[in-house]
């Protein structure tokens, strides 16, 4: 698997609203989102040989839903010897202050 750094892409605002609403109504989790700072994400992506990042779903030691971000090299390998991010701010309680239409 070759990673180019161009994986992923935009979706429409309406699609994002539908998908986040569907998730909230599914009852699959108490957490709607996770906030990662730009500097932290830039540090992850600035690692030598990092061309992308992979995001893992996880449950922490308290059974709370988490997202783990790990750098990925051009061959698609997780860079687990490097920086792995979590400790994001979950919503709730740290939700968008402007009542985002994605947060419901």
C-alpha atoms as a PDB file:
ATOM      1  CA  UNK A   1       0.000   0.000   0.000  1.00  0.00           C
ATOM      2  CA  UNK A   2       1.549   3.276  -1.099  1.00  0.00           C
ATOM      3  CA  UNK A   3       0.567   6.459   0.752  1.00  0.00           C
ATOM      4  CA  UNK A   4       0.865   9.698  -1.226  1.00  0.00           C
ATOM      5  CA  UNK A   5      -0.217  12.221   1.389  1.00  0.00           C
ATOM      6  CA  UNK A   6      -3.316  13.067  -0.612  1.00  0.00           C
ATOM      7  CA  UNK A   7      -5.620  10.473   0.990  1.00  0.00           C
ATOM      8  CA  UNK A   8      -8.986  11.654   2.243  1.00  0.00           C
ATOM      9  CA  UNK A   9     -10.854  14.641   0.976  1.00  0.00           C
ATOM     10  CA  UNK A  10     -13.640  17.092   1.592  1.00  0.00           C
ATOM     11  CA  UNK A  11     -17.293  16.266   2.071  1.00  0.00           C
ATOM     12  CA  UNK A  12     -20.208  18.687   1.916  1.00  0.00           C
ATOM     13  CA  UNK A  13     -21.561  20.536   4.923  1.00  0.00           C
ATOM     14  CA  UNK A  14     -24.924  18.783   4.518  1.00  0.00           C
ATOM     15  CA  UNK A  15     -23.237  15.389   4.417  1.00  0.00           C
ATOM     16  CA  UNK A  16     -21.260  16.218   7.575  1.00  0.00           C
ATOM     17  CA  UNK A  17     -24.460  17.300   9.339  1.00  0.00           C
ATOM     18  CA  UNK A  18     -26.275  14.087   8.339  1.00  0.00           C
ATOM     19  CA  UNK A  19     -23.412  11.825   9.369  1.00  0.00           C
ATOM     20  CA  UNK A  20     -22.831  13.468  12.765  1.00  0.00           C
ATOM     21  CA  UNK A  21     -26.569  13.489  13.504  1.00  0.00           C
ATOM     22  CA  UNK A  22     -26.788   9.801  12.575  1.00  0.00           C
ATOM     23  CA  UNK A  23     -23.894   9.003  14.909  1.00  0.00           C
ATOM     24  CA  UNK A  24     -25.431  10.936  17.829  1.00  0.00           C
ATOM     25  CA  UNK A  25     -28.802   9.213  17.366  1.00  0.00           C
ATOM     26  CA  UNK A  26     -27.192   5.752  17.106  1.00  0.00           C
ATOM     27  CA  UNK A  27     -26.363   5.651  20.813  1.00  0.00           C
ATOM     28  CA  UNK A  28     -22.896   4.266  20.022  1.00  0.00           C
ATOM     29  CA  UNK A  29     -21.037   6.658  22.276  1.00  0.00           C
ATOM     30  CA  UNK A  30     -21.224   9.548  24.704  1.00  0.00           C
ATOM     31  CA  UNK A  31     -18.465  11.503  22.961  1.00  0.00           C
ATOM     32  CA  UNK A  32     -19.356  13.505  19.858  1.00  0.00           C
ATOM     33  CA  UNK A  33     -15.913  14.823  18.955  1.00  0.00           C
ATOM     34  CA  UNK A  34     -12.290  15.250  20.016  1.00  0.00           C
ATOM     35  CA  UNK A  35     -10.296  18.469  19.745  1.00  0.00           C
ATOM     36  CA  UNK A  36      -6.588  18.273  18.839  1.00  0.00           C
ATOM     37  CA  UNK A  37      -4.493  21.448  18.718  1.00  0.00           C
ATOM     38  CA  UNK A  38      -2.935  22.483  15.418  1.00  0.00           C
ATOM     39  CA  UNK A  39       0.570  22.585  16.932  1.00  0.00           C
ATOM     40  CA  UNK A  40       0.199  19.028  18.228  1.00  0.00           C
ATOM     41  CA  UNK A  41      -1.009  17.699  14.865  1.00  0.00           C
ATOM     42  CA  UNK A  42       1.734  19.592  13.032  1.00  0.00           C
ATOM     43  CA  UNK A  43       4.312  17.991  15.351  1.00  0.00           C
ATOM     44  CA  UNK A  44       2.933  14.547  14.494  1.00  0.00           C
ATOM     45  CA  UNK A  45       3.018  15.244  10.740  1.00  0.00           C
ATOM     46  CA  UNK A  46       6.489  16.842  10.909  1.00  0.00           C
ATOM     47  CA  UNK A  47       8.121  13.563  11.976  1.00  0.00           C
ATOM     48  CA  UNK A  48      10.754  12.294   9.568  1.00  0.00           C
ATOM     49  CA  UNK A  49       9.189  10.079   6.847  1.00  0.00           C
ATOM     50  CA  UNK A  50       5.624  10.899   7.939  1.00  0.00           C
ATOM     51  CA  UNK A  51       3.313  11.467   4.952  1.00  0.00           C
ATOM     52  CA  UNK A  52      -0.087  10.898   6.570  1.00  0.00           C
ATOM     53  CA  UNK A  53      -1.765   9.990   9.830  1.00  0.00           C
ATOM     54  CA  UNK A  54      -4.026   7.158  10.791  1.00  0.00           C
ATOM     55  CA  UNK A  55      -6.743   7.617  13.407  1.00  0.00           C
ATOM     56  CA  UNK A  56      -7.666   4.695  15.637  1.00  0.00           C
ATOM     57  CA  UNK A  57     -10.814   4.323  17.717  1.00  0.00           C
ATOM     58  CA  UNK A  58     -10.001   3.277  21.266  1.00  0.00           C
ATOM     59  CA  UNK A  59     -11.457   2.851  24.739  1.00  0.00           C
ATOM     60  CA  UNK A  60      -9.355   4.208  27.593  1.00  0.00           C
ATOM     61  CA  UNK A  61      -8.882   2.590  31.019  1.00  0.00           C
ATOM     62  CA  UNK A  62     -12.213   4.093  32.140  1.00  0.00           C
ATOM     63  CA  UNK A  63     -14.074   2.736  29.109  1.00  0.00           C
ATOM     64  CA  UNK A  64     -14.348   6.208  27.531  1.00  0.00           C
ATOM     65  CA  UNK A  65     -14.148   6.566  23.757  1.00  0.00           C
ATOM     66  CA  UNK A  66     -10.848   8.024  22.497  1.00  0.00           C
ATOM     67  CA  UNK A  67      -9.140   8.729  19.188  1.00  0.00           C
ATOM     68  CA  UNK A  68      -5.469   7.902  18.735  1.00  0.00           C
ATOM     69  CA  UNK A  69      -3.490   9.635  15.982  1.00  0.00           C
ATOM     70  CA  UNK A  70      -0.325   8.013  14.662  1.00  0.00           C
ATOM     71  CA  UNK A  71       1.948   9.041  11.811  1.00  0.00           C
ATOM     72  CA  UNK A  72       2.098   6.841   8.729  1.00  0.00           C
ATOM     73  CA  UNK A  73       4.989   6.440   6.296  1.00  0.00           C
ATOM     74  CA  UNK A  74       4.765   6.208   2.502  1.00  0.00           C
ATOM     75  CA  UNK A  75       4.460   2.417   2.630  1.00  0.00           C
ATOM     76  CA  UNK A  76       1.411   2.657   4.908  1.00  0.00           C
ATOM     77  CA  UNK A  77       3.215   1.592   8.081  1.00  0.00           C
ATOM     78  CA  UNK A  78       2.147   3.090  11.398  1.00  0.00           C
ATOM     79  CA  UNK A  79       5.038   4.981  12.982  1.00  0.00           C
ATOM     80  CA  UNK A  80       4.439   3.566  16.461  1.00  0.00           C
ATOM     81  CA  UNK A  81       8.017   4.274  17.566  1.00  0.00           C
ATOM     82  CA  UNK A  82       7.270   7.984  17.090  1.00  0.00           C
ATOM     83  CA  UNK A  83       4.641  10.317  18.486  1.00  0.00           C
ATOM     84  CA  UNK A  84       1.173   8.900  19.190  1.00  0.00           C
ATOM     85  CA  UNK A  85      -1.479  11.468  20.050  1.00  0.00           C
ATOM     86  CA  UNK A  86      -4.436  11.328  22.373  1.00  0.00           C
ATOM     87  CA  UNK A  87      -5.346  13.447  25.377  1.00  0.00           C
ATOM     88  CA  UNK A  88      -7.675  15.426  23.124  1.00  0.00           C
ATOM     89  CA  UNK A  89     -10.456  17.510  24.628  1.00  0.00           C
ATOM     90  CA  UNK A  90     -13.710  15.526  24.282  1.00  0.00           C
ATOM     91  CA  UNK A  91     -17.133  16.959  23.527  1.00  0.00           C
ATOM     92  CA  UNK A  92     -18.960  16.920  25.782  1.00  0.00           C
ATOM     93  CA  UNK A  93     -17.926  18.805  27.842  1.00  0.00           C
ATOM     94  CA  UNK A  94     -15.540  20.792  25.576  1.00  0.00           C
ATOM     95  CA  UNK A  95     -17.891  21.487  22.657  1.00  0.00           C
ATOM     96  CA  UNK A  96     -17.994  24.268  20.096  1.00  0.00           C
ATOM     97  CA  UNK A  97     -18.978  27.521  21.815  1.00  0.00           C
ATOM     98  CA  UNK A  98     -21.072  28.645  18.835  1.00  0.00           C
ATOM     99  CA  UNK A  99     -23.449  25.656  18.974  1.00  0.00           C
ATOM    100  CA  UNK A 100     -22.003  23.957  15.911  1.00  0.00           C
ATOM    101  CA  UNK A 101     -24.521  22.322  13.631  1.00  0.00           C
ATOM    102  CA  UNK A 102     -22.247  19.271  13.654  1.00  0.00           C
ATOM    103  CA  UNK A 103     -22.498  18.913  17.450  1.00  0.00           C
ATOM    104  CA  UNK A 104     -26.294  18.834  17.458  1.00  0.00           C
END
